[in-house]
Amino acid sequence: MSGIKDEKDGSYQGDMEPRVEKADVLHSEVLVNADLMNDAFDGENREHEMGVWQAAKQHPWACFWAFTMCFTIVMESFDMFLNGNFVALKEFQKVYGVQTGPDTYSIPTKWQSALFQSGQCGAFIGVFLAGPVTNRLGYRWTTILALVLMNATIFISFFANSLALLTVGQALEGVPWGFFIANSPAYASEIVPLSLRGACTATLQMSWSIGSIIVAAATLGYNKQANEWAWRIPLALQWIFPTPLLILIFLAPESPWWLIRRGRKAEALRSIKRLGEKNEEHAHQSLAMMERTVEIEAQMGGAPNLLDLLKGTDLRRTAITCLMYASQNFAGNLIANQATFFFEQAGISSDKAFQLNLINSCLQFVANVGSWGLSAWFGRRTIYLWGTATNITLLVILGICASVHQSTATNYAQAVLGILISFVFAGTCGPISYTIISETSSVRLRALSTAVGRAAYYVAEIPMIYLASKMLNTTGWNLAGKCGYVWAGTACVCWVMAYFFLPELKHRSYRESDILFNRKISARKFKTTIIDVRENE
C-alpha cells in the first residue's frame, strides 16, 4: 500500500509514490536505514549549496510566514517605545507628574521605572510559560492563544486612570509578549532554508523598528493635544495588530521540526511542501534530514525539560543564548528605547525631540534592511564584534560631548550621536543577536532555550531600565549624554565575553552545530572545523 501512515489510527493518507513509505521509518531506525541516510545526506548538501537568492525564490512562503511570526514582536516594541514617549508628553506629565518649575512637570523616577519595568516583569513570566506550552501545543496555537490574551489586556491600559492601574495593565500585556519573543526566532529559524536563517530571524529587529516608527508618528501627532487623548489614542492603536496577526498565524503551517519531534511525520511532510518545497524527492530528503537530526539529539536525552538546559554541552549553549540576549541591554540600546526623553535631556526642545525620534526610528528601519546584506556576506561573530566595538567608540564620544562646556552645538552633537548609536545597533548587534540565539540551541531544546535566554534579557533589562531612568531624569542623576561612559563600559564587557565564547555558526546545519558543541570545539575554531556530512557524532 502506498501513502503515508497516520501514526494515530494506522491509516494511510494520500496516494503517494511507494518512495514515501521510507518517511514512515521510526526515528529509532533512521540512523541504520541506508536509503533514509542517503536522503538525509542529499537534503543537507542541497541546503549548503543553495544561495540566498535561490532560496528566497524557491521558498517565498517560508519567508512570508517567518516574517509574520516575527512581526508579533511589534506589539512589545510598540508598548516599550510608547512608555518611553509618555514620560516626554507634556499633557501626560501635567496629569501624572510632579511640578519641577513654573510651568514644567516630570514623572517621578520610580513611576518611570515602574512603567518601563512592569511589562518586562510580565514578559519574564510569559517566556517561562512559553517553553512548556509550545512543546505541548506547537508554535502556531501557542501564539494564537497569546494574541487572544493580548487583545484582552489592552483594555486595562486603555481605560487606566492612574499610573498604578496603567502599570498593572502593562504588566499583564507583558505576559503575551513573552510568548511572542520566545517563539518568533525559533519558528523563523526552523521553517526557512539554511542560507535564509540570518535574514529572516533579523526581521525581529525590523519589527522593533516598525513599532517605534508607528509610536514616533503617533506621539508626534498627538504631543500637543491638551487632553487625555494625547496618550489614550496611541494606546488604542495597539488593537490594530493582534486580530490580523491571529488570522494569519492560524493559516500558517506548523514548523516541520516540531511536528517531527511529536512523531507527526505526515503533517511534517505537508508542512515542508507548503513552505515551498514543490519537488517530491527534495521534500522527502528534507524530511529525512530533519528526522536524522532529531534522532541524533533524542539519543542524547529524552523528553526536553528546563533542567536539560544546564546539563552537559547544552549548558554552554544556554550560556551563549543568555549572553546574547542580555547583552542587548548593555550596548547603549536603552538610549533608543528612551530616545525622545534622551533628546530632551540633551537640551533639544520638546517638538524637535519628537521629530528627531521619528527620524531615529526610520533610520533604524533602514539599518535593519541593511543587516540582511551584512548577514549574507559576513559571519555572525564578525558582525557582533565589529558592531559592538563601533558603539563603544560612539558611546565614549557621546560622554565626552556631554562633559565639555554645553552649547547648542554640543546639544545637537549628543542627539546625533544618540541616533548613530541606535543606527549601528539596529544594523549589527540587534538583528544578529536573534540569528545567533536561534542557531545556538539544539532543536530538541529550542523552545525552552529561547525562552530562558529571553528571561536573561529581562533579568538584565529590569535593573538597567531603572539605571537608565535614574541617569537621565532631572529628579535623578541628570547625566544626559554622560551616560555614554556607563554604557561604553558595559558594552566592553559584552565584547570581551563574545570574543572568547561566541562561536561562528553561519552555514552550519543543526546537525553540524550539535557535533561541534559535543566535541567542545573552541569558539574561535568553529568556523574552520570541518564536519563530514556522514558524521553523526
Protein backbone atom coordinates (compact mmCIF):
# COMPACT_ATOMS: atom_id res chain seq x y z
CA MET A 1 0.00 0.00 0.00
CA SER A 2 1.35 3.44 -0.86
CA GLY A 3 0.88 6.61 1.13
CA ILE A 4 1.91 7.96 4.50
CA LYS A 5 0.83 6.12 7.56
CA ASP A 6 -1.04 8.13 10.18
CA GLU A 7 0.51 7.05 13.49
CA LYS A 8 -2.67 7.89 15.43
CA ASP A 9 -5.09 5.50 13.68
CA GLY A 10 -2.82 3.37 11.48
CA SER A 11 -4.50 4.52 8.26
CA TYR A 12 -2.72 5.73 5.12
CA GLN A 13 -3.19 9.23 3.78
CA GLY A 14 -2.93 10.33 0.16
CA ASP A 15 -1.90 8.43 -2.92
CA MET A 16 1.83 8.99 -2.99
CA GLU A 17 4.57 7.05 -4.76
CA PRO A 18 5.93 3.95 -2.98
CA ARG A 19 9.04 6.02 -2.09
CA VAL A 20 7.03 7.90 0.56
CA GLU A 21 6.86 4.80 2.78
CA LYS A 22 10.51 5.37 3.71
CA ALA A 23 9.40 8.51 5.53
CA ASP A 24 7.45 6.32 7.94
CA VAL A 25 10.53 4.63 9.37
CA LEU A 26 10.61 5.26 13.10
CA HIS A 27 13.15 7.80 14.36
CA SER A 28 15.00 4.98 16.13
CA GLU A 29 15.63 3.28 12.76
CA VAL A 30 16.64 6.35 10.74
CA LEU A 31 20.35 6.14 11.51
CA VAL A 32 20.57 2.48 10.37
CA ASN A 33 18.40 2.79 7.25
CA ALA A 34 20.73 3.29 4.28
CA ASP A 35 18.09 4.79 1.97
CA LEU A 36 16.93 7.36 4.51
CA MET A 37 20.50 8.26 5.44
CA ASN A 38 21.31 8.89 1.77
CA ASP A 39 18.24 11.10 1.55
CA ALA A 40 19.41 12.97 4.66
CA PHE A 41 22.88 13.47 3.13
CA ASP A 42 21.36 14.80 -0.09
CA GLY A 43 18.96 17.09 1.77
CA GLU A 44 21.72 18.64 3.87
CA ASN A 45 24.11 19.03 0.93
CA ARG A 46 21.38 20.74 -1.08
CA GLU A 47 20.81 23.26 1.73
CA HIS A 48 24.54 24.02 1.87
CA GLU A 49 24.66 24.58 -1.88
CA MET A 50 21.61 26.85 -2.01
CA GLY A 51 22.41 30.57 -2.20
CA VAL A 52 20.39 33.33 -0.57
CA TRP A 53 18.65 34.50 -3.74
CA GLN A 54 17.91 30.97 -4.94
CA ALA A 55 16.47 30.02 -1.55
CA ALA A 56 14.30 33.15 -1.48
CA LYS A 57 12.91 32.43 -4.95
CA GLN A 58 12.15 28.80 -4.11
CA HIS A 59 10.71 29.45 -0.65
CA PRO A 60 8.82 32.77 -0.73
CA TRP A 61 6.07 31.40 1.51
CA ALA A 62 8.60 30.30 4.12
CA CYS A 63 9.94 33.86 4.18
CA PHE A 64 6.42 35.27 4.46
CA TRP A 65 5.41 33.03 7.37
CA ALA A 66 8.72 33.66 9.14
CA PHE A 67 8.19 37.42 8.84
CA THR A 68 4.57 37.09 10.01
CA MET A 69 5.62 35.25 13.17
CA CYS A 70 8.46 37.71 13.81
CA PHE A 71 6.06 40.62 13.32
CA THR A 72 4.24 39.64 16.53
CA ILE A 73 7.10 41.30 18.42
CA VAL A 74 5.90 44.66 17.04
CA MET A 75 3.46 44.74 19.97
CA GLU A 76 6.21 44.62 22.61
CA SER A 77 8.17 47.19 20.62
CA PHE A 78 5.12 49.46 20.31
CA ASP A 79 4.44 49.42 24.05
CA MET A 80 8.07 49.81 25.09
CA PHE A 81 8.59 52.88 22.90
CA LEU A 82 5.15 54.21 23.82
CA ASN A 83 6.06 54.24 27.51
CA GLY A 84 9.31 55.98 26.64
CA ASN A 85 7.33 58.68 24.84
CA PHE A 86 4.63 59.02 27.52
CA VAL A 87 7.12 60.40 30.04
CA ALA A 88 8.02 63.09 27.48
CA LEU A 89 4.40 64.05 26.67
CA LYS A 90 3.60 67.43 28.24
CA GLU A 91 -0.05 66.59 28.97
CA PHE A 92 0.85 63.21 30.48
CA GLN A 93 3.48 64.91 32.65
CA LYS A 94 0.96 67.54 33.75
CA VAL A 95 -1.69 64.98 34.76
CA TYR A 96 0.52 62.36 36.40
CA GLY A 97 3.79 64.16 37.16
CA VAL A 98 5.18 66.46 39.85
CA GLN A 99 5.90 70.14 39.29
CA THR A 100 9.60 70.88 38.85
CA GLY A 101 9.35 74.52 37.69
CA PRO A 102 6.95 77.39 36.98
CA ASP A 103 5.28 75.53 34.11
CA THR A 104 7.23 72.28 33.94
CA TYR A 105 6.34 68.82 35.22
CA SER A 106 8.14 65.49 35.36
CA ILE A 107 7.10 61.90 36.00
CA PRO A 108 8.93 60.74 39.18
CA THR A 109 11.76 58.30 38.54
CA LYS A 110 10.05 55.47 40.47
CA TRP A 111 6.97 55.69 38.21
CA GLN A 112 9.07 56.00 35.05
CA SER A 113 10.85 52.82 36.06
CA ALA A 114 7.58 51.12 37.00
CA LEU A 115 6.03 51.87 33.61
CA PHE A 116 9.11 50.57 31.79
CA GLN A 117 9.66 47.56 34.05
CA SER A 118 6.12 46.27 34.57
CA GLY A 119 5.74 44.98 31.02
CA GLN A 120 9.15 43.29 31.26
CA CYS A 121 8.13 41.62 34.53
CA GLY A 122 5.04 40.24 32.81
CA ALA A 123 7.12 39.11 29.84
CA PHE A 124 9.53 37.38 32.23
CA ILE A 125 6.62 35.20 33.37
CA GLY A 126 5.47 34.74 29.77
CA VAL A 127 8.78 33.39 28.47
CA PHE A 128 8.88 30.71 31.14
CA LEU A 129 5.35 29.66 30.28
CA ALA A 130 6.13 29.71 26.55
CA GLY A 131 8.61 26.83 26.50
CA PRO A 132 6.43 24.08 28.04
CA VAL A 133 3.27 25.35 26.32
CA THR A 134 4.98 25.43 22.91
CA ASN A 135 6.41 21.94 23.38
CA ARG A 136 2.86 20.79 24.02
CA LEU A 137 0.76 22.83 21.57
CA GLY A 138 3.22 23.91 18.87
CA TYR A 139 4.29 27.38 17.75
CA ARG A 140 1.02 28.24 15.98
CA TRP A 141 -1.53 27.53 18.70
CA THR A 142 0.68 28.97 21.44
CA THR A 143 1.00 32.22 19.50
CA ILE A 144 -2.75 32.30 18.73
CA LEU A 145 -3.57 31.98 22.45
CA ALA A 146 -1.10 34.79 23.24
CA LEU A 147 -2.71 37.06 20.61
CA VAL A 148 -6.15 36.48 22.16
CA LEU A 149 -4.71 37.38 25.57
CA MET A 150 -3.06 40.47 24.10
CA ASN A 151 -6.40 41.73 22.75
CA ALA A 152 -7.95 41.39 26.20
CA THR A 153 -5.18 43.01 28.26
CA ILE A 154 -5.04 46.17 26.11
CA PHE A 155 -8.41 47.17 27.60
CA ILE A 156 -6.84 47.61 31.04
CA SER A 157 -4.15 50.01 29.80
CA PHE A 158 -6.57 51.95 27.62
CA PHE A 159 -9.09 52.61 30.42
CA ALA A 160 -6.47 53.16 33.17
CA ASN A 161 -7.00 56.39 35.12
CA SER A 162 -3.87 56.29 37.29
CA LEU A 163 -0.20 55.43 36.99
CA ALA A 164 -0.79 52.41 39.24
CA LEU A 165 -3.51 50.93 37.01
CA LEU A 166 -1.53 51.72 33.86
CA THR A 167 1.41 49.86 35.40
CA VAL A 168 -0.81 46.84 36.12
CA GLY A 169 -2.10 46.92 32.54
CA GLN A 170 1.45 46.95 31.18
CA ALA A 171 2.40 44.01 33.40
CA LEU A 172 -0.50 41.92 32.08
CA GLU A 173 0.26 42.89 28.48
CA GLY A 174 3.80 41.68 29.08
CA VAL A 175 2.74 38.05 29.51
CA PRO A 176 1.84 37.53 25.81
CA TRP A 177 4.99 39.49 24.82
CA GLY A 178 6.95 36.69 26.46
CA PHE A 179 5.25 34.13 24.22
CA PHE A 180 5.91 36.19 21.09
CA ILE A 181 9.61 36.76 21.69
CA ALA A 182 10.24 33.17 22.80
CA ASN A 183 8.55 31.62 19.75
CA SER A 184 9.39 34.01 16.92
CA PRO A 185 13.14 33.39 16.42
CA ALA A 186 12.75 29.64 16.96
CA TYR A 187 9.89 29.28 14.45
CA ALA A 188 11.56 31.51 11.84
CA SER A 189 14.84 29.61 12.01
CA GLU A 190 13.10 26.23 11.66
CA ILE A 191 10.97 26.92 8.59
CA VAL A 192 13.46 28.64 6.24
CA PRO A 193 16.46 27.15 4.39
CA LEU A 194 19.91 27.43 5.93
CA SER A 195 21.01 30.40 3.79
CA LEU A 196 17.94 32.47 4.79
CA ARG A 197 18.20 32.00 8.55
CA GLY A 198 20.19 35.18 9.09
CA ALA A 199 17.90 37.47 7.10
CA CYS A 200 14.61 36.00 8.34
CA THR A 201 15.49 35.98 12.04
CA ALA A 202 16.85 39.53 11.64
CA THR A 203 13.33 40.70 10.79
CA LEU A 204 12.67 40.55 14.54
CA GLN A 205 14.72 43.71 14.90
CA MET A 206 12.83 45.21 11.96
CA SER A 207 9.59 44.62 13.84
CA TRP A 208 11.03 46.60 16.73
CA SER A 209 11.77 49.46 14.33
CA ILE A 210 8.30 49.34 12.75
CA GLY A 211 6.77 49.56 16.22
CA SER A 212 8.95 52.53 17.10
CA ILE A 213 8.07 54.31 13.82
CA ILE A 214 4.32 53.97 14.48
CA VAL A 215 4.79 55.19 18.06
CA ALA A 216 7.01 58.09 16.98
CA ALA A 217 4.48 59.19 14.35
CA ALA A 218 1.51 58.83 16.72
CA THR A 219 3.12 60.71 19.61
CA LEU A 220 4.43 63.41 17.27
CA GLY A 221 0.89 63.92 16.01
CA TYR A 222 -0.68 63.96 19.48
CA ASN A 223 2.04 65.52 21.66
CA LYS A 224 0.29 68.95 21.51
CA GLN A 225 -3.14 67.51 22.35
CA ALA A 226 -4.26 69.23 25.55
CA ASN A 227 -6.29 66.36 26.98
CA GLU A 228 -6.14 62.66 27.88
CA TRP A 229 -6.41 61.58 24.22
CA ALA A 230 -2.76 62.60 23.82
CA TRP A 231 -1.90 59.19 25.28
CA ARG A 232 -5.16 57.20 25.04
CA ILE A 233 -5.29 57.26 21.22
CA PRO A 234 -1.71 55.92 20.92
CA LEU A 235 -2.67 53.21 23.43
CA ALA A 236 -5.74 52.30 21.35
CA LEU A 237 -3.55 51.84 18.28
CA GLN A 238 -2.29 48.60 19.85
CA TRP A 239 -5.54 46.94 18.73
CA ILE A 240 -4.56 47.21 15.06
CA PHE A 241 -2.12 44.28 15.43
CA PRO A 242 -3.49 41.21 17.27
CA THR A 243 -6.57 40.25 15.21
CA PRO A 244 -4.99 40.39 11.71
CA LEU A 245 -1.95 38.53 13.03
CA LEU A 246 -4.18 35.92 14.68
CA ILE A 247 -5.84 35.17 11.34
CA LEU A 248 -2.51 34.91 9.53
CA ILE A 249 -0.92 32.67 12.18
CA PHE A 250 -3.99 30.41 12.07
CA LEU A 251 -3.38 29.96 8.32
CA ALA A 252 0.38 29.41 8.73
CA PRO A 253 1.97 25.94 8.61
CA GLU A 254 3.39 24.46 11.79
CA SER A 255 7.17 24.03 12.00
CA PRO A 256 8.06 20.65 10.43
CA TRP A 257 10.80 20.24 13.04
CA TRP A 258 8.23 20.50 15.84
CA LEU A 259 5.90 18.06 14.04
CA ILE A 260 8.71 15.53 13.60
CA ARG A 261 9.63 15.80 17.28
CA ARG A 262 6.00 14.94 18.05
CA GLY A 263 6.03 11.97 15.65
CA ARG A 264 3.62 13.59 13.16
CA LYS A 265 5.62 12.91 10.00
CA ALA A 266 2.72 13.05 7.54
CA GLU A 267 1.90 16.57 8.70
CA ALA A 268 5.59 17.50 8.68
CA LEU A 269 5.86 16.48 5.02
CA ARG A 270 2.81 18.58 4.12
CA SER A 271 4.32 21.50 6.04
CA ILE A 272 7.61 21.18 4.13
CA LYS A 273 5.68 21.36 0.86
CA ARG A 274 3.63 24.36 1.99
CA LEU A 275 6.85 26.15 2.87
CA GLY A 276 8.00 25.96 -0.76
CA GLU A 277 9.49 22.54 -1.45
CA LYS A 278 7.45 21.52 -4.52
CA ASN A 279 9.81 18.77 -5.70
CA GLU A 280 8.58 15.46 -4.23
CA GLU A 281 12.05 13.95 -3.95
CA HIS A 282 13.54 17.05 -2.34
CA ALA A 283 10.68 17.18 0.17
CA HIS A 284 11.44 13.65 1.33
CA GLN A 285 15.15 14.45 1.53
CA SER A 286 14.39 17.42 3.77
CA LEU A 287 12.16 15.22 5.92
CA ALA A 288 14.91 12.61 6.25
CA MET A 289 17.47 15.29 7.13
CA MET A 290 15.22 16.57 9.92
CA GLU A 291 14.50 13.06 11.21
CA ARG A 292 18.19 12.30 11.33
CA THR A 293 18.98 15.38 13.42
CA VAL A 294 16.01 14.80 15.74
CA GLU A 295 17.08 11.18 16.30
CA ILE A 296 20.71 12.15 16.99
CA GLU A 297 19.51 14.61 19.63
CA ALA A 298 16.95 12.14 21.02
CA GLN A 299 19.76 9.69 21.75
CA MET A 300 21.44 12.38 23.87
CA GLY A 301 18.39 12.92 26.08
CA GLY A 302 14.72 12.09 26.48
CA ALA A 303 11.76 14.45 26.70
CA PRO A 304 13.00 18.05 26.94
CA ASN A 305 12.77 19.88 30.25
CA LEU A 306 14.30 23.02 31.76
CA LEU A 307 16.97 21.10 33.69
CA ASP A 308 18.37 19.75 30.42
CA LEU A 309 19.50 23.29 29.60
CA LEU A 310 22.00 23.04 32.45
CA LYS A 311 23.42 19.63 31.56
CA GLY A 312 26.48 18.72 29.51
CA THR A 313 27.14 20.71 26.34
CA ASP A 314 23.66 22.24 26.50
CA LEU A 315 24.87 24.34 29.44
CA ARG A 316 27.39 26.04 27.13
CA ARG A 317 24.71 26.64 24.51
CA THR A 318 22.32 28.04 27.11
CA ALA A 319 25.04 30.38 28.42
CA ILE A 320 25.70 31.75 24.91
CA THR A 321 21.97 32.29 24.32
CA CYS A 322 21.59 34.11 27.64
CA LEU A 323 24.70 36.22 26.98
CA MET A 324 23.44 37.30 23.55
CA TYR A 325 20.02 38.26 24.87
CA ALA A 326 21.30 40.03 27.99
CA SER A 327 23.95 41.96 26.04
CA GLN A 328 21.24 43.80 24.08
CA ASN A 329 20.75 45.92 27.20
CA PHE A 330 24.40 46.85 27.64
CA ALA A 331 25.48 48.38 24.32
CA GLY A 332 23.55 51.66 24.52
CA ASN A 333 20.29 50.25 23.18
CA LEU A 334 18.32 51.68 26.11
CA ILE A 335 19.12 55.16 24.75
CA ALA A 336 17.00 54.23 21.71
CA ASN A 337 14.15 52.98 23.92
CA GLN A 338 14.02 56.38 25.64
CA ALA A 339 15.10 58.42 22.63
CA THR A 340 12.61 61.30 22.95
CA PHE A 341 13.35 61.77 26.64
CA PHE A 342 17.10 61.49 25.94
CA PHE A 343 16.89 64.22 23.28
CA GLU A 344 15.04 66.50 25.70
CA GLN A 345 17.63 65.90 28.42
CA ALA A 346 20.36 66.64 25.88
CA GLY A 347 18.91 70.14 25.51
CA ILE A 348 16.66 69.70 22.44
CA SER A 349 13.23 71.37 22.51
CA SER A 350 10.19 69.11 23.01
CA ASP A 351 8.85 69.47 19.44
CA LYS A 352 12.25 68.82 17.87
CA ALA A 353 12.79 65.87 20.23
CA PHE A 354 9.64 64.16 18.90
CA GLN A 355 10.72 64.93 15.31
CA LEU A 356 14.20 63.52 15.94
CA ASN A 357 12.62 60.42 17.46
CA LEU A 358 10.68 59.79 14.26
CA ILE A 359 13.85 60.27 12.20
CA ASN A 360 15.70 57.94 14.55
CA SER A 361 13.04 55.23 14.17
CA CYS A 362 13.07 55.48 10.36
CA LEU A 363 16.87 55.24 10.28
CA GLN A 364 16.70 52.15 12.47
CA PHE A 365 14.40 50.56 9.90
CA VAL A 366 16.92 51.37 7.14
CA ALA A 367 19.67 49.79 9.26
CA ASN A 368 17.54 46.66 9.74
CA VAL A 369 17.17 46.26 5.97
CA GLY A 370 20.93 46.75 5.60
CA SER A 371 21.53 43.99 8.13
CA TRP A 372 20.18 41.43 5.63
CA GLY A 373 23.11 42.13 3.33
CA LEU A 374 25.58 42.09 6.20
CA SER A 375 24.34 38.69 7.41
CA ALA A 376 24.67 37.29 3.88
CA TRP A 377 28.27 38.49 3.44
CA PHE A 378 29.77 38.33 6.92
CA GLY A 379 29.73 35.87 9.81
CA ARG A 380 27.58 36.25 12.91
CA ARG A 381 30.61 36.59 15.18
CA THR A 382 32.24 39.20 12.92
CA ILE A 383 29.13 41.38 12.76
CA TYR A 384 28.57 41.24 16.52
CA LEU A 385 32.17 42.07 17.47
CA TRP A 386 32.58 44.93 14.99
CA GLY A 387 29.14 46.36 15.74
CA THR A 388 29.79 46.35 19.48
CA ALA A 389 33.26 47.90 19.02
CA THR A 390 31.78 50.70 16.90
CA ASN A 391 29.16 51.51 19.51
CA ILE A 392 31.73 51.53 22.30
CA THR A 393 33.63 54.22 20.38
CA LEU A 394 30.48 56.29 19.77
CA LEU A 395 29.40 55.99 23.41
CA VAL A 396 32.74 57.30 24.63
CA ILE A 397 32.49 60.25 22.21
CA LEU A 398 28.93 60.89 23.50
CA GLY A 399 30.25 61.05 27.05
CA ILE A 400 32.98 63.49 26.02
CA CYS A 401 30.45 65.77 24.25
CA ALA A 402 28.34 65.89 27.42
CA SER A 403 31.37 66.63 29.59
CA VAL A 404 32.58 69.79 27.83
CA HIS A 405 31.02 73.25 28.07
CA GLN A 406 27.42 72.92 26.83
CA SER A 407 26.03 74.89 23.89
CA THR A 408 23.56 74.42 21.05
CA ALA A 409 26.29 72.65 19.09
CA THR A 410 27.03 70.12 21.85
CA ASN A 411 23.30 69.53 22.36
CA TYR A 412 22.83 68.59 18.72
CA ALA A 413 26.07 66.59 18.74
CA GLN A 414 24.68 64.44 21.58
CA ALA A 415 21.40 63.99 19.71
CA VAL A 416 23.20 62.94 16.52
CA LEU A 417 25.43 60.53 18.44
CA GLY A 418 22.34 59.02 20.09
CA ILE A 419 20.87 58.44 16.62
CA LEU A 420 24.13 56.93 15.34
CA ILE A 421 24.34 54.54 18.30
CA SER A 422 20.77 53.38 17.65
CA PHE A 423 21.51 53.05 13.92
CA VAL A 424 24.61 50.88 14.47
CA PHE A 425 22.79 48.68 16.98
CA ALA A 426 19.80 48.26 14.64
CA GLY A 427 22.09 47.18 11.79
CA THR A 428 24.51 44.89 13.64
CA CYS A 429 24.20 43.72 17.26
CA GLY A 430 20.38 43.82 17.43
CA PRO A 431 19.40 41.67 14.44
CA ILE A 432 22.42 39.36 14.53
CA SER A 433 21.72 38.54 18.19
CA TYR A 434 18.40 36.97 17.20
CA THR A 435 20.12 34.94 14.49
CA ILE A 436 22.75 33.68 16.94
CA ILE A 437 20.08 32.82 19.51
CA SER A 438 18.01 30.84 17.02
CA GLU A 439 21.03 28.85 15.77
CA THR A 440 22.82 28.12 19.04
CA SER A 441 20.35 25.88 20.86
CA SER A 442 19.71 22.25 19.97
CA VAL A 443 16.49 21.51 18.07
CA ARG A 444 15.21 19.40 20.97
CA LEU A 445 15.54 22.25 23.47
CA ARG A 446 14.95 25.22 21.18
CA ALA A 447 11.58 26.36 22.60
CA LEU A 448 12.93 26.15 26.15
CA SER A 449 16.30 27.70 25.30
CA THR A 450 14.93 30.78 23.56
CA ALA A 451 12.53 31.27 26.47
CA VAL A 452 15.26 31.07 29.13
CA GLY A 453 17.52 33.28 27.02
CA ARG A 454 14.83 35.93 26.83
CA ALA A 455 14.32 35.61 30.58
CA ALA A 456 18.01 36.51 30.95
CA TYR A 457 17.29 39.56 28.81
CA TYR A 458 14.57 40.70 31.21
CA VAL A 459 16.69 39.94 34.29
CA ALA A 460 19.33 42.26 32.85
CA GLU A 461 16.90 44.83 31.46
CA ILE A 462 14.75 45.48 34.53
CA PRO A 463 17.58 46.94 36.68
CA MET A 464 19.11 48.60 33.60
CA ILE A 465 15.83 50.41 32.88
CA TYR A 466 15.87 51.79 36.40
CA LEU A 467 19.52 52.80 35.95
CA ALA A 468 18.79 54.44 32.58
CA SER A 469 15.86 56.40 34.03
CA LYS A 470 17.95 57.44 37.03
CA MET A 471 20.79 58.64 34.79
CA LEU A 472 18.56 60.72 32.50
CA ASN A 473 15.86 62.08 34.83
CA THR A 474 16.20 65.60 36.21
CA THR A 475 14.90 64.23 39.53
CA GLY A 476 17.64 61.57 39.36
CA TRP A 477 21.32 61.93 38.43
CA ASN A 478 20.60 64.14 35.39
CA LEU A 479 23.64 62.85 33.46
CA ALA A 480 22.21 63.34 29.93
CA GLY A 481 24.93 62.29 27.44
CA LYS A 482 27.41 61.41 30.20
CA CYS A 483 25.56 58.09 30.44
CA GLY A 484 27.66 57.18 27.39
CA TYR A 485 30.58 56.42 29.70
CA VAL A 486 28.47 53.90 31.64
CA TRP A 487 27.12 52.13 28.55
CA ALA A 488 30.58 52.09 26.93
CA GLY A 489 31.89 50.24 29.99
CA THR A 490 29.12 47.63 29.96
CA ALA A 491 29.49 47.20 26.17
CA CYS A 492 33.22 46.50 26.64
CA VAL A 493 32.37 43.62 28.96
CA CYS A 494 30.00 42.21 26.29
CA TRP A 495 32.69 42.48 23.61
CA VAL A 496 35.26 40.59 25.70
CA MET A 497 32.77 37.84 26.58
CA ALA A 498 31.75 37.46 22.93
CA TYR A 499 35.36 37.33 21.73
CA PHE A 500 36.13 34.32 23.92
CA PHE A 501 32.78 32.47 23.97
CA LEU A 502 30.78 33.32 20.82
CA PRO A 503 31.16 30.66 18.06
CA GLU A 504 30.59 31.18 14.34
CA LEU A 505 27.53 29.19 13.21
CA LYS A 506 26.97 30.66 9.76
CA HIS A 507 26.49 27.94 7.10
CA ARG A 508 26.19 25.27 9.80
CA SER A 509 23.27 22.83 9.77
CA TYR A 510 21.70 21.92 13.09
CA ARG A 511 23.44 18.52 12.92
CA GLU A 512 26.83 20.16 12.43
CA SER A 513 26.18 22.55 15.32
CA ASP A 514 25.32 19.61 17.59
CA ILE A 515 28.57 17.86 16.67
CA LEU A 516 30.72 20.96 17.15
CA PHE A 517 29.30 21.60 20.61
CA ASN A 518 29.51 17.95 21.62
CA ARG A 519 33.19 17.89 20.63
CA LYS A 520 33.74 21.00 22.79
CA ILE A 521 35.41 22.88 19.94
CA SER A 522 36.80 26.30 20.91
CA ALA A 523 34.53 29.19 19.87
CA ARG A 524 37.28 30.67 17.68
CA LYS A 525 37.72 27.34 15.82
CA PHE A 526 34.07 26.70 14.93
CA LYS A 527 34.47 28.39 11.54
CA THR A 528 37.46 26.31 10.40
CA THR A 529 36.47 22.89 11.78
CA ILE A 530 35.33 20.51 9.02
CA ILE A 531 32.37 18.21 9.68
CA ASP A 532 31.67 15.46 7.14
CA VAL A 533 28.08 15.02 6.01
CA ARG A 534 28.20 11.34 7.10
CA GLU A 535 29.21 12.03 10.69
CA ASN A 536 26.60 11.64 13.41
CA GLU A 537 28.69 12.48 16.49
